[in-house]
Amino acid sequence: MIKSRPIRGGLNDFRNSYNTTQTDIPELSNVVGYMHIDDKGLKNLMIDLILDLQNLPAAHLLPSLNGHKVFHNDLLWFFSLVVSNDFNIRLVISLLNKVLDKASDIDI
């Protein structure tokens, strides 16, 4: 499925937005930079990423990992988890690194 509906440049807007907001603090454009971003900043980054992922065609076609029919529905569930106060936002750093480093679709 991911081969027929690849992400390709579908997350470029997210990457560009992140890079634009970090230009005045160069060390924030690398992996170590996340340690300088507070939890609210990480939460906002993750919300932006989830919204971009929801707009990808693959999100509407890939099967759910949790029995929610399609992956798009998993993203809706994850969105509610991220915005809650019961989620350790630091757990998403690995995913953010993969997206910003342009990892393969399968790794993301």
PDB file of N, CA and C in Angstrom:
ATOM      1  N   MET A   1       0.827  -1.201   0.000  1.00  0.00           N
ATOM      2  CA  MET A   1       0.000   0.000   0.000  1.00  0.00           C
ATOM      3  C   MET A   1       0.869   1.262   0.000  1.00  0.00           C
ATOM      4  N   ILE A   2       1.912   1.272   0.815  1.00  0.00           N
ATOM      5  CA  ILE A   2       2.763   2.465   0.894  1.00  0.00           C
ATOM      6  C   ILE A   2       3.482   2.707  -0.433  1.00  0.00           C
ATOM      7  N   LYS A   3       3.722   1.638  -1.198  1.00  0.00           N
ATOM      8  CA  LYS A   3       4.372   1.801  -2.499  1.00  0.00           C
ATOM      9  C   LYS A   3       3.439   2.446  -3.511  1.00  0.00           C
ATOM     10  N   SER A   4       2.144   2.166  -3.414  1.00  0.00           N
ATOM     11  CA  SER A   4       1.202   2.750  -4.361  1.00  0.00           C
ATOM     12  C   SER A   4       0.783   4.167  -3.962  1.00  0.00           C
ATOM     13  N   ARG A   5       0.939   4.518  -2.705  1.00  0.00           N
ATOM     14  CA  ARG A   5       0.601   5.859  -2.200  1.00  0.00           C
ATOM     15  C   ARG A   5       1.741   6.376  -1.314  1.00  0.00           C
ATOM     16  N   PRO A   6       2.924   6.610  -1.903  1.00  0.00           N
ATOM     17  CA  PRO A   6       4.073   7.017  -1.092  1.00  0.00           C
ATOM     18  C   PRO A   6       3.912   8.416  -0.497  1.00  0.00           C
ATOM     19  N   ILE A   7       4.615   8.632   0.598  1.00  0.00           N
ATOM     20  CA  ILE A   7       4.601   9.945   1.246  1.00  0.00           C
ATOM     21  C   ILE A   7       5.337  10.956   0.377  1.00  0.00           C
ATOM     22  N   ARG A   8       6.474  10.533  -0.155  1.00  0.00           N
ATOM     23  CA  ARG A   8       7.342  11.394  -0.972  1.00  0.00           C
ATOM     24  C   ARG A   8       7.498  12.763  -0.323  1.00  0.00           C
ATOM     25  N   GLY A   9       7.042  13.809  -0.993  1.00  0.00           N
ATOM     26  CA  GLY A   9       7.176  15.166  -0.476  1.00  0.00           C
ATOM     27  C   GLY A   9       5.997  15.614   0.360  1.00  0.00           C
ATOM     28  N   GLY A  10       5.123  14.689   0.733  1.00  0.00           N
ATOM     29  CA  GLY A  10       3.909  15.034   1.460  1.00  0.00           C
ATOM     30  C   GLY A  10       4.126  15.669   2.819  1.00  0.00           C
ATOM     31  N   LEU A  11       5.327  15.529   3.363  1.00  0.00           N
ATOM     32  CA  LEU A  11       5.625  16.134   4.666  1.00  0.00           C
ATOM     33  C   LEU A  11       6.587  17.306   4.542  1.00  0.00           C
ATOM     34  N   ASN A  12       6.834  17.746   3.316  1.00  0.00           N
ATOM     35  CA  ASN A  12       7.754  18.869   3.120  1.00  0.00           C
ATOM     36  C   ASN A  12       7.264  20.151   3.779  1.00  0.00           C
ATOM     37  N   ASP A  13       5.960  20.400   3.756  1.00  0.00           N
ATOM     38  CA  ASP A  13       5.431  21.595   4.418  1.00  0.00           C
ATOM     39  C   ASP A  13       5.745  21.576   5.906  1.00  0.00           C
ATOM     40  N   PHE A  14       5.594  20.396   6.528  1.00  0.00           N
ATOM     41  CA  PHE A  14       5.919  20.269   7.945  1.00  0.00           C
ATOM     42  C   PHE A  14       7.406  20.547   8.169  1.00  0.00           C
ATOM     43  N   ARG A  15       8.259  19.924   7.363  1.00  0.00           N
ATOM     44  CA  ARG A  15       9.711  20.122   7.498  1.00  0.00           C
ATOM     45  C   ARG A  15      10.085  21.586   7.297  1.00  0.00           C
ATOM     46  N   ASN A  16       9.528  22.198   6.268  1.00  0.00           N
ATOM     47  CA  ASN A  16       9.845  23.599   5.988  1.00  0.00           C
ATOM     48  C   ASN A  16       9.383  24.510   7.114  1.00  0.00           C
ATOM     49  N   SER A  17       8.218  24.230   7.653  1.00  0.00           N
ATOM     50  CA  SER A  17       7.701  25.027   8.762  1.00  0.00           C
ATOM     51  C   SER A  17       8.621  24.916   9.976  1.00  0.00           C
ATOM     52  N   TYR A  18       9.046  23.707  10.284  1.00  0.00           N
ATOM     53  CA  TYR A  18       9.962  23.511  11.410  1.00  0.00           C
ATOM     54  C   TYR A  18      11.267  24.252  11.165  1.00  0.00           C
ATOM     55  N   ASN A  19      11.844  24.087   9.977  1.00  0.00           N
ATOM     56  CA  ASN A  19      13.127  24.728   9.678  1.00  0.00           C
ATOM     57  C   ASN A  19      13.021  26.245   9.716  1.00  0.00           C
ATOM     58  N   THR A  20      11.896  26.784   9.274  1.00  0.00           N
ATOM     59  CA  THR A  20      11.691  28.226   9.286  1.00  0.00           C
ATOM     60  C   THR A  20      11.632  28.766  10.714  1.00  0.00           C
ATOM     61  N   THR A  21      10.985  28.055  11.604  1.00  0.00           N
ATOM     62  CA  THR A  21      10.844  28.531  12.982  1.00  0.00           C
ATOM     63  C   THR A  21      12.134  28.379  13.777  1.00  0.00           C
ATOM     64  N   GLN A  22      13.058  27.552  13.288  1.00  0.00           N
ATOM     65  CA  GLN A  22      14.290  27.296  14.035  1.00  0.00           C
ATOM     66  C   GLN A  22      15.501  28.038  13.474  1.00  0.00           C
ATOM     67  N   THR A  23      15.336  28.860  12.448  1.00  0.00           N
ATOM     68  CA  THR A  23      16.484  29.471  11.791  1.00  0.00           C
ATOM     69  C   THR A  23      17.265  30.415  12.689  1.00  0.00           C
ATOM     70  N   ASP A  24      16.624  31.033  13.657  1.00  0.00           N
ATOM     71  CA  ASP A  24      17.355  31.960  14.511  1.00  0.00           C
ATOM     72  C   ASP A  24      18.115  31.253  15.628  1.00  0.00           C
ATOM     73  N   ILE A  25      17.951  29.943  15.770  1.00  0.00           N
ATOM     74  CA  ILE A  25      18.683  29.160  16.765  1.00  0.00           C
ATOM     75  C   ILE A  25      19.232  27.934  16.033  1.00  0.00           C
ATOM     76  N   PRO A  26      20.409  28.046  15.404  1.00  0.00           N
ATOM     77  CA  PRO A  26      20.915  26.978  14.528  1.00  0.00           C
ATOM     78  C   PRO A  26      20.971  25.596  15.167  1.00  0.00           C
ATOM     79  N   GLU A  27      21.319  25.497  16.424  1.00  0.00           N
ATOM     80  CA  GLU A  27      21.445  24.167  17.027  1.00  0.00           C
ATOM     81  C   GLU A  27      20.112  23.446  17.137  1.00  0.00           C
ATOM     82  N   LEU A  28      19.005  24.131  16.925  1.00  0.00           N
ATOM     83  CA  LEU A  28      17.701  23.485  17.001  1.00  0.00           C
ATOM     84  C   LEU A  28      17.352  22.733  15.722  1.00  0.00           C
ATOM     85  N   SER A  29      18.171  22.857  14.693  1.00  0.00           N
ATOM     86  CA  SER A  29      17.854  22.161  13.455  1.00  0.00           C
ATOM     87  C   SER A  29      18.403  20.738  13.439  1.00  0.00           C
ATOM     88  N   ASN A  30      18.982  20.278  14.525  1.00  0.00           N
ATOM     89  CA  ASN A  30      19.476  18.904  14.577  1.00  0.00           C
ATOM     90  C   ASN A  30      18.805  18.144  15.706  1.00  0.00           C
ATOM     91  N   VAL A  31      19.184  16.901  15.863  1.00  0.00           N
ATOM     92  CA  VAL A  31      18.554  16.027  16.851  1.00  0.00           C
ATOM     93  C   VAL A  31      18.651  16.595  18.255  1.00  0.00           C
ATOM     94  N   VAL A  32      19.789  17.145  18.613  1.00  0.00           N
ATOM     95  CA  VAL A  32      19.988  17.697  19.957  1.00  0.00           C
ATOM     96  C   VAL A  32      19.032  18.851  20.208  1.00  0.00           C
ATOM     97  N   GLY A  33      18.621  19.514  19.141  1.00  0.00           N
ATOM     98  CA  GLY A  33      17.748  20.675  19.281  1.00  0.00           C
ATOM     99  C   GLY A  33      16.461  20.405  20.032  1.00  0.00           C
ATOM    100  N   TYR A  34      15.935  19.180  19.953  1.00  0.00           N
ATOM    101  CA  TYR A  34      14.682  18.879  20.639  1.00  0.00           C
ATOM    102  C   TYR A  34      14.802  19.029  22.146  1.00  0.00           C
ATOM    103  N   MET A  35      16.005  18.864  22.655  1.00  0.00           N
ATOM    104  CA  MET A  35      16.196  18.978  24.097  1.00  0.00           C
ATOM    105  C   MET A  35      16.014  20.422  24.557  1.00  0.00           C
ATOM    106  N   HIS A  36      16.106  21.378  23.612  1.00  0.00           N
ATOM    107  CA  HIS A  36      15.951  22.794  23.937  1.00  0.00           C
ATOM    108  C   HIS A  36      14.512  23.277  23.776  1.00  0.00           C
ATOM    109  N   ILE A  37      13.683  22.445  23.202  1.00  0.00           N
ATOM    110  CA  ILE A  37      12.282  22.812  22.992  1.00  0.00           C
ATOM    111  C   ILE A  37      11.478  22.321  24.193  1.00  0.00           C
ATOM    112  N   ASP A  38      10.660  23.193  24.741  1.00  0.00           N
ATOM    113  CA  ASP A  38       9.859  22.768  25.892  1.00  0.00           C
ATOM    114  C   ASP A  38       8.740  21.831  25.439  1.00  0.00           C
ATOM    115  N   ASP A  39       8.067  21.240  26.406  1.00  0.00           N
ATOM    116  CA  ASP A  39       7.019  20.266  26.093  1.00  0.00           C
ATOM    117  C   ASP A  39       5.903  20.873  25.252  1.00  0.00           C
ATOM    118  N   LYS A  40       5.564  22.132  25.503  1.00  0.00           N
ATOM    119  CA  LYS A  40       4.513  22.783  24.717  1.00  0.00           C
ATOM    120  C   LYS A  40       4.939  22.903  23.256  1.00  0.00           C
ATOM    121  N   GLY A  41       6.202  23.242  23.029  1.00  0.00           N
ATOM    122  CA  GLY A  41       6.710  23.335  21.665  1.00  0.00           C
ATOM    123  C   GLY A  41       6.690  21.990  20.965  1.00  0.00           C
ATOM    124  N   LEU A  42       7.081  20.929  21.686  1.00  0.00           N
ATOM    125  CA  LEU A  42       7.030  19.580  21.110  1.00  0.00           C
ATOM    126  C   LEU A  42       5.600  19.165  20.808  1.00  0.00           C
ATOM    127  N   LYS A  43       4.695  19.507  21.714  1.00  0.00           N
ATOM    128  CA  LYS A  43       3.286  19.169  21.495  1.00  0.00           C
ATOM    129  C   LYS A  43       2.772  19.864  20.230  1.00  0.00           C
ATOM    130  N   ASN A  44       3.122  21.126  20.060  1.00  0.00           N
ATOM    131  CA  ASN A  44       2.685  21.856  18.870  1.00  0.00           C
ATOM    132  C   ASN A  44       3.282  21.262  17.599  1.00  0.00           C
ATOM    133  N   LEU A  45       4.560  20.859  17.651  1.00  0.00           N
ATOM    134  CA  LEU A  45       5.182  20.193  16.506  1.00  0.00           C
ATOM    135  C   LEU A  45       4.445  18.913  16.156  1.00  0.00           C
ATOM    136  N   MET A  46       4.115  18.136  17.173  1.00  0.00           N
ATOM    137  CA  MET A  46       3.452  16.853  16.929  1.00  0.00           C
ATOM    138  C   MET A  46       2.048  17.062  16.382  1.00  0.00           C
ATOM    139  N   ILE A  47       1.348  18.056  16.864  1.00  0.00           N
ATOM    140  CA  ILE A  47       0.016  18.366  16.341  1.00  0.00           C
ATOM    141  C   ILE A  47       0.121  18.721  14.860  1.00  0.00           C
ATOM    142  N   ASP A  48       1.098  19.552  14.507  1.00  0.00           N
ATOM    143  CA  ASP A  48       1.296  19.908  13.099  1.00  0.00           C
ATOM    144  C   ASP A  48       1.592  18.675  12.258  1.00  0.00           C
ATOM    145  N   LEU A  49       2.430  17.784  12.781  1.00  0.00           N
ATOM    146  CA  LEU A  49       2.764  16.571  12.034  1.00  0.00           C
ATOM    147  C   LEU A  49       1.541  15.675  11.848  1.00  0.00           C
ATOM    148  N   ILE A  50       0.762  15.495  12.894  1.00  0.00           N
ATOM    149  CA  ILE A  50      -0.442  14.657  12.787  1.00  0.00           C
ATOM    150  C   ILE A  50      -1.398  15.224  11.738  1.00  0.00           C
ATOM    151  N   LEU A  51      -1.587  16.528  11.749  1.00  0.00           N
ATOM    152  CA  LEU A  51      -2.484  17.145  10.766  1.00  0.00           C
ATOM    153  C   LEU A  51      -1.976  16.924   9.344  1.00  0.00           C
ATOM    154  N   ASP A  52      -0.665  17.037   9.149  1.00  0.00           N
ATOM    155  CA  ASP A  52      -0.106  16.782   7.817  1.00  0.00           C
ATOM    156  C   ASP A  52      -0.234  15.314   7.435  1.00  0.00           C
ATOM    157  N   LEU A  53      -0.003  14.410   8.376  1.00  0.00           N
ATOM    158  CA  LEU A  53      -0.150  12.984   8.095  1.00  0.00           C
ATOM    159  C   LEU A  53      -1.588  12.637   7.717  1.00  0.00           C
ATOM    160  N   GLN A  54      -2.553  13.275   8.359  1.00  0.00           N
ATOM    161  CA  GLN A  54      -3.960  13.005   8.068  1.00  0.00           C
ATOM    162  C   GLN A  54      -4.327  13.383   6.644  1.00  0.00           C
ATOM    163  N   ASN A  55      -3.608  14.322   6.072  1.00  0.00           N
ATOM    164  CA  ASN A  55      -3.917  14.777   4.712  1.00  0.00           C
ATOM    165  C   ASN A  55      -3.281  13.921   3.629  1.00  0.00           C
ATOM    166  N   LEU A  56      -2.426  12.996   4.001  1.00  0.00           N
ATOM    167  CA  LEU A  56      -1.790  12.129   3.011  1.00  0.00           C
ATOM    168  C   LEU A  56      -2.784  11.084   2.505  1.00  0.00           C
ATOM    169  N   PRO A  57      -2.790  10.810   1.211  1.00  0.00           N
ATOM    170  CA  PRO A  57      -3.695   9.781   0.676  1.00  0.00           C
ATOM    171  C   PRO A  57      -3.515   8.425   1.358  1.00  0.00           C
ATOM    172  N   ALA A  58      -2.292   8.070   1.684  1.00  0.00           N
ATOM    173  CA  ALA A  58      -2.029   6.763   2.315  1.00  0.00           C
ATOM    174  C   ALA A  58      -2.751   6.629   3.652  1.00  0.00           C
ATOM    175  N   ALA A  59      -2.942   7.723   4.369  1.00  0.00           N
ATOM    176  CA  ALA A  59      -3.598   7.663   5.674  1.00  0.00           C
ATOM    177  C   ALA A  59      -5.039   7.187   5.567  1.00  0.00           C
ATOM    178  N   HIS A  60      -5.643   7.397   4.413  1.00  0.00           N
ATOM    179  CA  HIS A  60      -7.033   6.990   4.196  1.00  0.00           C
ATOM    180  C   HIS A  60      -7.150   5.587   3.618  1.00  0.00           C
ATOM    181  N   LEU A  61      -5.997   4.999   3.277  1.00  0.00           N
ATOM    182  CA  LEU A  61      -6.001   3.679   2.661  1.00  0.00           C
ATOM    183  C   LEU A  61      -5.326   2.600   3.503  1.00  0.00           C
ATOM    184  N   LEU A  62      -4.316   2.986   4.271  1.00  0.00           N
ATOM    185  CA  LEU A  62      -3.608   2.004   5.099  1.00  0.00           C
ATOM    186  C   LEU A  62      -4.523   1.476   6.199  1.00  0.00           C
ATOM    187  N   PRO A  63      -4.454   0.195   6.476  1.00  0.00           N
ATOM    188  CA  PRO A  63      -5.293  -0.345   7.557  1.00  0.00           C
ATOM    189  C   PRO A  63      -4.845   0.167   8.921  1.00  0.00           C
ATOM    190  N   SER A  64      -5.779   0.260   9.805  1.00  0.00           N
ATOM    191  CA  SER A  64      -5.508   0.692  11.175  1.00  0.00           C
ATOM    192  C   SER A  64      -4.629  -0.324  11.890  1.00  0.00           C
ATOM    193  N   LEU A  65      -3.827   0.169  12.790  1.00  0.00           N
ATOM    194  CA  LEU A  65      -3.025  -0.709  13.642  1.00  0.00           C
ATOM    195  C   LEU A  65      -3.806  -1.122  14.887  1.00  0.00           C
ATOM    196  N   ASN A  66      -4.904  -0.421  15.163  1.00  0.00           N
ATOM    197  CA  ASN A  66      -5.676  -0.644  16.391  1.00  0.00           C
ATOM    198  C   ASN A  66      -7.128  -1.010  16.156  1.00  0.00           C
ATOM    199  N   GLY A  67      -7.464  -1.470  14.964  1.00  0.00           N
ATOM    200  CA  GLY A  67      -8.833  -1.874  14.684  1.00  0.00           C
ATOM    201  C   GLY A  67      -9.784  -0.722  14.423  1.00  0.00           C
ATOM    202  N   HIS A  68      -9.258   0.458  14.054  1.00  0.00           N
ATOM    203  CA  HIS A  68     -10.092   1.625  13.774  1.00  0.00           C
ATOM    204  C   HIS A  68     -10.374   1.801  12.282  1.00  0.00           C
ATOM    205  N   LYS A  69     -10.371   0.734  11.524  1.00  0.00           N
ATOM    206  CA  LYS A  69     -10.628   0.688  10.074  1.00  0.00           C
ATOM    207  C   LYS A  69      -9.425   1.161   9.259  1.00  0.00           C
ATOM    208  N   VAL A  70      -9.101   2.473   9.283  1.00  0.00           N
ATOM    209  CA  VAL A  70      -7.969   2.983   8.509  1.00  0.00           C
ATOM    210  C   VAL A  70      -7.038   3.789   9.411  1.00  0.00           C
ATOM    211  N   PHE A  71      -5.798   3.968   8.937  1.00  0.00           N
ATOM    212  CA  PHE A  71      -4.779   4.657   9.712  1.00  0.00           C
ATOM    213  C   PHE A  71      -5.189   6.085  10.071  1.00  0.00           C
ATOM    214  N   HIS A  72      -5.951   6.721   9.212  1.00  0.00           N
ATOM    215  CA  HIS A  72      -6.436   8.082   9.489  1.00  0.00           C
ATOM    216  C   HIS A  72      -7.160   8.126  10.838  1.00  0.00           C
ATOM    217  N   ASN A  73      -7.933   7.117  11.130  1.00  0.00           N
ATOM    218  CA  ASN A  73      -8.646   7.067  12.408  1.00  0.00           C
ATOM    219  C   ASN A  73      -7.684   6.884  13.579  1.00  0.00           C
ATOM    220  N   ASP A  74      -6.590   6.143  13.367  1.00  0.00           N
ATOM    221  CA  ASP A  74      -5.559   6.035  14.403  1.00  0.00           C
ATOM    222  C   ASP A  74      -4.953   7.407  14.702  1.00  0.00           C
ATOM    223  N   LEU A  75      -4.758   8.184  13.642  1.00  0.00           N
ATOM    224  CA  LEU A  75      -4.192   9.526  13.821  1.00  0.00           C
ATOM    225  C   LEU A  75      -5.138  10.422  14.612  1.00  0.00           C
ATOM    226  N   LEU A  76      -6.439  10.290  14.387  1.00  0.00           N
ATOM    227  CA  LEU A  76      -7.416  11.056  15.171  1.00  0.00           C
ATOM    228  C   LEU A  76      -7.330  10.690  16.646  1.00  0.00           C
ATOM    229  N   TRP A  77      -7.214   9.402  16.922  1.00  0.00           N
ATOM    230  CA  TRP A  77      -7.076   8.932  18.301  1.00  0.00           C
ATOM    231  C   TRP A  77      -5.772   9.462  18.902  1.00  0.00           C
ATOM    232  N   PHE A  78      -4.676   9.389  18.136  1.00  0.00           N
ATOM    233  CA  PHE A  78      -3.377   9.844  18.624  1.00  0.00           C
ATOM    234  C   PHE A  78      -3.397  11.347  18.883  1.00  0.00           C
ATOM    235  N   PHE A  79      -4.095  12.110  18.036  1.00  0.00           N
ATOM    236  CA  PHE A  79      -4.230  13.549  18.230  1.00  0.00           C
ATOM    237  C   PHE A  79      -4.830  13.842  19.601  1.00  0.00           C
ATOM    238  N   SER A  80      -5.916  13.147  19.937  1.00  0.00           N
ATOM    239  CA  SER A  80      -6.557  13.387  21.235  1.00  0.00           C
ATOM    240  C   SER A  80      -5.627  13.021  22.393  1.00  0.00           C
ATOM    241  N   LEU A  81      -4.809  11.998  22.195  1.00  0.00           N
ATOM    242  CA  LEU A  81      -3.843  11.609  23.217  1.00  0.00           C
ATOM    243  C   LEU A  81      -2.767  12.678  23.381  1.00  0.00           C
ATOM    244  N   VAL A  82      -2.241  13.191  22.282  1.00  0.00           N
ATOM    245  CA  VAL A  82      -1.181  14.194  22.327  1.00  0.00           C
ATOM    246  C   VAL A  82      -1.649  15.474  23.006  1.00  0.00           C
ATOM    247  N   VAL A  83      -2.869  15.903  22.736  1.00  0.00           N
ATOM    248  CA  VAL A  83      -3.347  17.155  23.331  1.00  0.00           C
ATOM    249  C   VAL A  83      -3.781  17.000  24.786  1.00  0.00           C
ATOM    250  N   SER A  84      -3.891  15.763  25.236  1.00  0.00           N
ATOM    251  CA  SER A  84      -4.239  15.546  26.645  1.00  0.00           C
ATOM    252  C   SER A  84      -3.018  15.811  27.519  1.00  0.00           C
ATOM    253  N   ASN A  85      -3.246  15.933  28.789  1.00  0.00           N
ATOM    254  CA  ASN A  85      -2.152  16.129  29.739  1.00  0.00           C
ATOM    255  C   ASN A  85      -1.609  14.804  30.250  1.00  0.00           C
ATOM    256  N   ASP A  86      -2.106  13.704  29.704  1.00  0.00           N
ATOM    257  CA  ASP A  86      -1.707  12.374  30.172  1.00  0.00           C
ATOM    258  C   ASP A  86      -0.707  11.698  29.247  1.00  0.00           C
ATOM    259  N   PHE A  87      -0.019  12.474  28.415  1.00  0.00           N
ATOM    260  CA  PHE A  87       0.889  11.904  27.429  1.00  0.00           C
ATOM    261  C   PHE A  87       2.279  12.510  27.595  1.00  0.00           C
ATOM    262  N   ASN A  88       3.299  11.667  27.641  1.00  0.00           N
ATOM    263  CA  ASN A  88       4.689  12.126  27.710  1.00  0.00           C
ATOM    264  C   ASN A  88       5.127  12.493  26.303  1.00  0.00           C
ATOM    265  N   ILE A  89       5.098  13.765  25.975  1.00  0.00           N
ATOM    266  CA  ILE A  89       5.354  14.234  24.620  1.00  0.00           C
ATOM    267  C   ILE A  89       6.776  13.918  24.174  1.00  0.00           C
ATOM    268  N   ARG A  90       7.671  13.717  25.107  1.00  0.00           N
ATOM    269  CA  ARG A  90       9.064  13.393  24.752  1.00  0.00           C
ATOM    270  C   ARG A  90       9.174  12.038  24.045  1.00  0.00           C
ATOM    271  N   LEU A  91       8.132  11.217  24.124  1.00  0.00           N
ATOM    272  CA  LEU A  91       8.137   9.913  23.459  1.00  0.00           C
ATOM    273  C   LEU A  91       8.096  10.022  21.937  1.00  0.00           C
ATOM    274  N   VAL A  92       7.755  11.187  21.402  1.00  0.00           N
ATOM    275  CA  VAL A  92       7.630  11.340  19.953  1.00  0.00           C
ATOM    276  C   VAL A  92       8.904  11.854  19.289  1.00  0.00           C
ATOM    277  N   ILE A  93       9.943  12.105  20.058  1.00  0.00           N
ATOM    278  CA  ILE A  93      11.169  12.673  19.495  1.00  0.00           C
ATOM    279  C   ILE A  93      11.737  11.795  18.385  1.00  0.00           C
ATOM    280  N   SER A  94      11.714  10.490  18.578  1.00  0.00           N
ATOM    281  CA  SER A  94      12.237   9.578  17.556  1.00  0.00           C
ATOM    282  C   SER A  94      11.472   9.740  16.237  1.00  0.00           C
ATOM    283  N   LEU A  95      10.158   9.813  16.300  1.00  0.00           N
ATOM    284  CA  LEU A  95       9.346   9.994  15.095  1.00  0.00           C
ATOM    285  C   LEU A  95       9.655  11.336  14.434  1.00  0.00           C
ATOM    286  N   LEU A  96       9.733  12.387  15.225  1.00  0.00           N
ATOM    287  CA  LEU A  96      10.040  13.702  14.670  1.00  0.00           C
ATOM    288  C   LEU A  96      11.400  13.695  13.972  1.00  0.00           C
ATOM    289  N   ASN A  97      12.379  13.036  14.579  1.00  0.00           N
ATOM    290  CA  ASN A  97      13.698  12.933  13.960  1.00  0.00           C
ATOM    291  C   ASN A  97      13.606  12.242  12.603  1.00  0.00           C
ATOM    292  N   LYS A  98      12.854  11.163  12.523  1.00  0.00           N
ATOM    293  CA  LYS A  98      12.724  10.429  11.266  1.00  0.00           C
ATOM    294  C   LYS A  98      12.082  11.297  10.185  1.00  0.00           C
ATOM    295  N   VAL A  99      11.058  12.023  10.548  1.00  0.00           N
ATOM    296  CA  VAL A  99      10.373  12.873   9.574  1.00  0.00           C
ATOM    297  C   VAL A  99      11.300  13.995   9.109  1.00  0.00           C
ATOM    298  N   LEU A 100      11.945  14.678  10.041  1.00  0.00           N
ATOM    299  CA  LEU A 100      12.806  15.794   9.676  1.00  0.00           C
ATOM    300  C   LEU A 100      14.059  15.345   8.929  1.00  0.00           C
ATOM    301  N   ASP A 101      14.521  14.129   9.207  1.00  0.00           N
ATOM    302  CA  ASP A 101      15.694  13.597   8.512  1.00  0.00           C
ATOM    303  C   ASP A 101      15.326  12.901   7.198  1.00  0.00           C
ATOM    304  N   LYS A 102      14.061  12.995   6.803  1.00  0.00           N
ATOM    305  CA  LYS A 102      13.567  12.415   5.542  1.00  0.00           C
ATOM    306  C   LYS A 102      13.808  10.917   5.464  1.00  0.00           C
ATOM    307  N   ALA A 103      13.477  10.225   6.541  1.00  0.00           N
ATOM    308  CA  ALA A 103      13.593   8.762   6.562  1.00  0.00           C
ATOM    309  C   ALA A 103      12.626   8.169   5.546  1.00  0.00           C
ATOM    310  N   SER A 104      12.813   6.898   5.260  1.00  0.00           N
ATOM    311  CA  SER A 104      11.938   6.233   4.286  1.00  0.00           C
ATOM    312  C   SER A 104      10.499   6.188   4.806  1.00  0.00           C
ATOM    313  N   ASP A 105       9.569   6.038   3.887  1.00  0.00           N
ATOM    314  CA  ASP A 105       8.157   5.941   4.248  1.00  0.00           C
ATOM    315  C   ASP A 105       7.924   4.817   5.260  1.00  0.00           C
ATOM    316  N   ILE A 106       8.572   3.705   5.062  1.00  0.00           N
ATOM    317  CA  ILE A 106       8.379   2.551   5.956  1.00  0.00           C
ATOM    318  C   ILE A 106       8.879   2.876   7.362  1.00  0.00           C
ATOM    319  N   ASP A 107      10.010   3.591   7.473  1.00  0.00           N
ATOM    320  CA  ASP A 107      10.526   3.947   8.789  1.00  0.00           C
ATOM    321  C   ASP A 107       9.618   4.933   9.508  1.00  0.00           C
ATOM    322  N   ILE A 108       9.013   5.828   8.746  1.00  0.00           N
ATOM    323  CA  ILE A 108       8.104   6.794   9.353  1.00  0.00           C
ATOM    324  C   ILE A 108       6.826   6.084   9.741  1.00  0.00           C
TER     325      ILE A 108
END
